[in-house]
Amino acid sequence: MALPFLHGAHIVPAFRALKNVTATEPLKELVMYLDRTCMQSSVWTPCQWSIYSR
């Protein structure tokens, strides 16, 4: 996914928008996995893994 290329403040809203339009079960499972492991990480916040303007 290209989310790390977004400004840090835009990552979570963009992910939520994508999450709302998932259509297939495999894609829903992937989105749920990414939500648990990346969006809700206690190690790195989405703002920290953004590479926008680097």
Protein backbone atom coordinates (compact mmCIF):
# COMPACT_ATOMS: atom_id res chain seq x y z
CA MET A 1 0.00 0.00 0.00
CA ALA A 2 1.07 3.57 -0.59
CA LEU A 3 -0.10 4.95 2.75
CA PRO A 4 3.46 5.72 3.98
CA PHE A 5 3.78 8.20 1.09
CA LEU A 6 0.98 10.35 2.55
CA HIS A 7 1.47 13.09 5.11
CA GLY A 8 1.29 11.52 8.58
CA ALA A 9 -1.94 13.28 9.48
CA HIS A 10 -3.64 11.87 6.38
CA ILE A 11 -2.70 8.20 6.81
CA VAL A 12 -5.41 7.12 9.26
CA PRO A 13 -8.27 8.96 7.49
CA ALA A 14 -7.17 7.51 4.14
CA PHE A 15 -6.97 4.03 5.64
CA ARG A 16 -10.45 4.39 7.13
CA ALA A 17 -11.81 5.49 3.76
CA LEU A 18 -10.27 2.43 2.11
CA LYS A 19 -11.54 0.22 4.92
CA ASN A 20 -15.10 1.41 4.28
CA VAL A 21 -15.06 0.35 0.62
CA THR A 22 -13.58 -3.14 0.93
CA ALA A 23 -15.75 -5.56 -1.00
CA THR A 24 -14.29 -9.05 -0.84
CA GLU A 25 -13.68 -11.19 2.21
CA PRO A 26 -9.92 -11.65 1.58
CA LEU A 27 -9.53 -7.88 1.28
CA LYS A 28 -11.52 -7.34 4.48
CA GLU A 29 -9.23 -9.77 6.28
CA LEU A 30 -6.16 -7.93 4.99
CA VAL A 31 -7.57 -4.58 6.10
CA MET A 32 -8.38 -5.96 9.55
CA TYR A 33 -4.83 -7.33 9.84
CA LEU A 34 -3.32 -3.99 8.81
CA ASP A 35 -5.56 -2.19 11.26
CA ARG A 36 -4.42 -4.40 14.14
CA THR A 37 -0.73 -4.50 13.29
CA CYS A 38 -0.04 -1.09 11.74
CA MET A 39 -2.73 1.43 12.56
CA GLN A 40 -3.04 0.43 16.21
CA SER A 41 0.63 -0.39 16.80
CA SER A 42 2.07 0.39 20.21
CA VAL A 43 5.56 0.61 18.67
CA TRP A 44 5.19 2.95 15.67
CA THR A 45 2.43 5.43 14.96
CA PRO A 46 1.37 6.08 11.36
CA CYS A 47 2.96 9.54 11.61
CA GLN A 48 6.29 7.91 12.43
CA TRP A 49 6.29 5.60 9.41
CA SER A 50 5.25 8.31 6.96
CA ILE A 51 7.96 9.10 4.41
CA TYR A 52 6.21 12.18 3.08
CA SER A 53 8.74 14.90 2.13
CA ARG A 54 11.79 12.80 2.95
